[in-house]
Protein backbone atom coordinates (compact mmCIF):
# COMPACT_ATOMS: atom_id res chain seq x y z
CA UNK A 1 27.65 -75.68 -60.50
CA UNK A 2 28.68 -76.52 -64.03
CA UNK A 3 26.50 -75.71 -67.06
CA UNK A 4 27.07 -79.41 -67.91
CA UNK A 5 24.49 -80.19 -65.23
CA UNK A 6 21.86 -78.45 -67.13
CA UNK A 7 22.44 -80.26 -70.48
CA UNK A 8 19.24 -82.30 -71.15
CA UNK A 9 17.26 -80.08 -68.91
CA UNK A 10 17.35 -76.41 -69.91
CA UNK A 11 20.43 -76.59 -72.17
CA UNK A 12 21.41 -78.53 -75.29
CA UNK A 13 24.84 -79.27 -76.67
CA UNK A 14 25.63 -77.73 -80.21
CA UNK A 15 28.60 -77.23 -82.42
CA UNK A 16 29.21 -73.57 -82.37
CA UNK A 17 28.51 -71.89 -85.71
CA UNK A 18 30.51 -68.78 -86.45
CA UNK A 19 27.67 -67.40 -88.62
CA UNK A 20 25.14 -67.81 -85.85
CA UNK A 21 27.41 -65.99 -83.25
CA UNK A 22 28.11 -63.25 -85.61
CA UNK A 23 24.35 -62.74 -86.36
CA UNK A 24 23.44 -62.74 -82.77
CA UNK A 25 26.22 -60.21 -81.95
CA UNK A 26 25.07 -57.94 -84.96
CA UNK A 27 21.43 -58.33 -83.86
CA UNK A 28 22.41 -57.16 -80.33
CA UNK A 29 24.30 -54.27 -81.60
CA UNK A 30 21.16 -53.13 -83.81
CA UNK A 31 18.98 -53.60 -80.72
CA UNK A 32 21.24 -51.31 -78.62
CA UNK A 33 21.06 -48.67 -81.37
CA UNK A 34 17.43 -49.01 -81.66
CA UNK A 35 17.05 -48.59 -77.90
CA UNK A 36 18.55 -45.20 -78.15
CA UNK A 37 15.85 -43.84 -80.70
CA UNK A 38 14.11 -41.11 -78.71
CA UNK A 39 11.15 -41.07 -81.15
CA UNK A 40 9.70 -44.47 -79.80
CA UNK A 41 8.14 -45.37 -76.43
CA UNK A 42 10.20 -46.08 -73.42
CA UNK A 43 8.66 -49.59 -73.47
CA UNK A 44 10.01 -50.28 -76.99
CA UNK A 45 13.45 -48.77 -76.13
CA UNK A 46 13.57 -50.95 -72.97
CA UNK A 47 12.55 -54.05 -74.90
CA UNK A 48 15.29 -53.41 -77.55
CA UNK A 49 17.97 -53.08 -74.90
CA UNK A 50 16.65 -56.12 -73.03
CA UNK A 51 16.58 -58.18 -76.14
CA UNK A 52 20.26 -57.19 -76.89
CA UNK A 53 21.21 -58.56 -73.36
CA UNK A 54 19.42 -61.81 -74.17
CA UNK A 55 21.05 -62.06 -77.63
CA UNK A 56 24.38 -61.70 -76.22
CA UNK A 57 23.73 -64.20 -73.46
CA UNK A 58 22.54 -66.59 -76.20
CA UNK A 59 25.68 -65.91 -78.17
CA UNK A 60 27.91 -66.62 -75.19
CA UNK A 61 26.26 -69.87 -74.55
CA UNK A 62 26.45 -70.86 -78.19
CA UNK A 63 30.11 -69.96 -78.60
CA UNK A 64 30.71 -72.37 -75.64
CA UNK A 65 28.78 -75.15 -77.40
CA UNK A 66 25.45 -74.85 -75.74
CA UNK A 67 22.04 -73.29 -76.41
CA UNK A 68 18.96 -72.88 -74.28
CA UNK A 69 16.25 -75.35 -74.78
CA UNK A 70 13.42 -73.05 -75.83
CA UNK A 71 10.79 -75.75 -75.44
CA UNK A 72 11.43 -75.56 -71.69
CA UNK A 73 10.07 -72.72 -69.55
CA UNK A 74 12.45 -70.30 -68.05
CA UNK A 75 15.03 -70.17 -71.01
CA UNK A 76 15.40 -66.37 -70.55
CA UNK A 77 16.42 -66.95 -66.97
CA UNK A 78 18.74 -69.85 -67.98
CA UNK A 79 20.56 -67.63 -70.51
CA UNK A 80 20.92 -64.76 -67.96
CA UNK A 81 22.04 -67.01 -65.08
CA UNK A 82 24.66 -68.85 -67.34
CA UNK A 83 26.61 -65.52 -67.93
CA UNK A 84 28.98 -65.95 -64.87
CA UNK A 85 30.14 -69.33 -66.44
CA UNK A 86 30.20 -68.19 -70.08
CA UNK A 87 31.57 -64.68 -69.88
CA UNK A 88 32.63 -64.19 -66.27
CA UNK A 89 29.75 -61.79 -65.43
CA UNK A 90 29.60 -60.79 -61.76
CA UNK A 91 26.64 -62.71 -60.13
CA UNK A 92 25.42 -59.46 -58.73
CA UNK A 93 25.04 -58.21 -62.28
CA UNK A 94 22.86 -61.16 -63.04
CA UNK A 95 20.55 -60.06 -60.34
CA UNK A 96 20.29 -56.83 -62.19
CA UNK A 97 19.52 -58.68 -65.41
CA UNK A 98 16.78 -60.66 -63.58
CA UNK A 99 15.14 -57.47 -62.36
CA UNK A 100 15.12 -56.26 -65.90
CA UNK A 101 13.58 -59.63 -67.08
CA UNK A 102 10.85 -59.33 -64.45
CA UNK A 103 10.10 -55.72 -65.37
CA UNK A 104 9.80 -56.65 -69.05
CA UNK A 105 7.43 -59.34 -68.07
CA UNK A 106 5.23 -56.91 -66.16
CA UNK A 107 5.18 -54.71 -69.31
CA UNK A 108 4.39 -57.43 -71.50
CA UNK A 109 1.48 -58.99 -69.46
CA UNK A 110 0.04 -56.00 -67.73
CA UNK A 111 0.68 -52.97 -70.06
CA UNK A 112 2.54 -51.06 -67.25
CA UNK A 113 4.71 -48.19 -68.37
CA UNK A 114 8.58 -48.11 -68.17
CA UNK A 115 10.24 -45.15 -66.50
CA UNK A 116 12.98 -43.21 -68.31
CA UNK A 117 15.36 -44.26 -65.57
CA UNK A 118 14.60 -47.94 -66.24
CA UNK A 119 15.25 -47.45 -69.91
CA UNK A 120 18.57 -45.81 -69.07
CA UNK A 121 19.59 -48.67 -66.74
CA UNK A 122 18.66 -51.38 -69.31
CA UNK A 123 20.68 -49.61 -71.98
CA UNK A 124 23.62 -49.19 -69.66
CA UNK A 125 23.59 -52.86 -68.81
CA UNK A 126 23.18 -53.94 -72.49
CA UNK A 127 26.24 -51.76 -73.41
CA UNK A 128 28.39 -53.10 -70.57
CA UNK A 129 27.47 -56.69 -71.62
CA UNK A 130 28.17 -55.77 -75.25
CA UNK A 131 31.65 -54.63 -74.34
CA UNK A 132 32.40 -57.62 -72.16
CA UNK A 133 31.10 -59.93 -74.96
CA UNK A 134 33.27 -58.25 -77.64
CA UNK A 135 36.32 -58.20 -75.37
CA UNK A 136 35.79 -61.92 -74.46
CA UNK A 137 35.42 -62.92 -78.05
CA UNK A 138 38.59 -61.01 -79.00
CA UNK A 139 40.57 -62.84 -76.34
CA UNK A 140 39.08 -66.34 -76.45
CA UNK A 141 37.42 -66.76 -79.90
CA UNK A 142 38.63 -64.12 -82.33
CA UNK A 143 37.35 -66.14 -85.28
CA UNK A 144 33.72 -65.64 -83.93
CA UNK A 145 34.01 -61.73 -83.66
C-alpha cells in the first residue's frame, strides 16, 4: 500500500518546508534529552521520549510532502505506521511503537504508572529513530538537516 492511498483520508499533501522539518527534528532532540532527566517522573520521561518518536515520524512525512490530518482520529497511529514508507523502518519496529502509543494512552486516560523498563525502552526506540532520521536526511535530503 502506498501513502498516496491515504491522501484525503488521514494524510494531506504539502510542500515540504525546510524550517518546519528542522524545528521538528530539533524538538525531537530536545525531547530525547528531556526524557533522560532523572529528576522527573517516569511518566513524564516516557511521554517526552514518545513525543520525540512522533515528532520524527511527522518530520519524515513532511519531508516527503505529506502531513497527518490532525482533524481525523488516529493521526498518531498514521504517523507511526507510515515510517516503513517514509524512512524504511522495519514493520516489526512499528509494532513496538504502537505498543508504546497504547501504553501512553493508558497513562493519559487512567493515571497508570510507567515502569523504569518502559521508560528505557521508549528512550531506546526514540534514539534509534533519531539516528535513522538523521542518516536518512543526510543521504536523501541534506538541505533539511
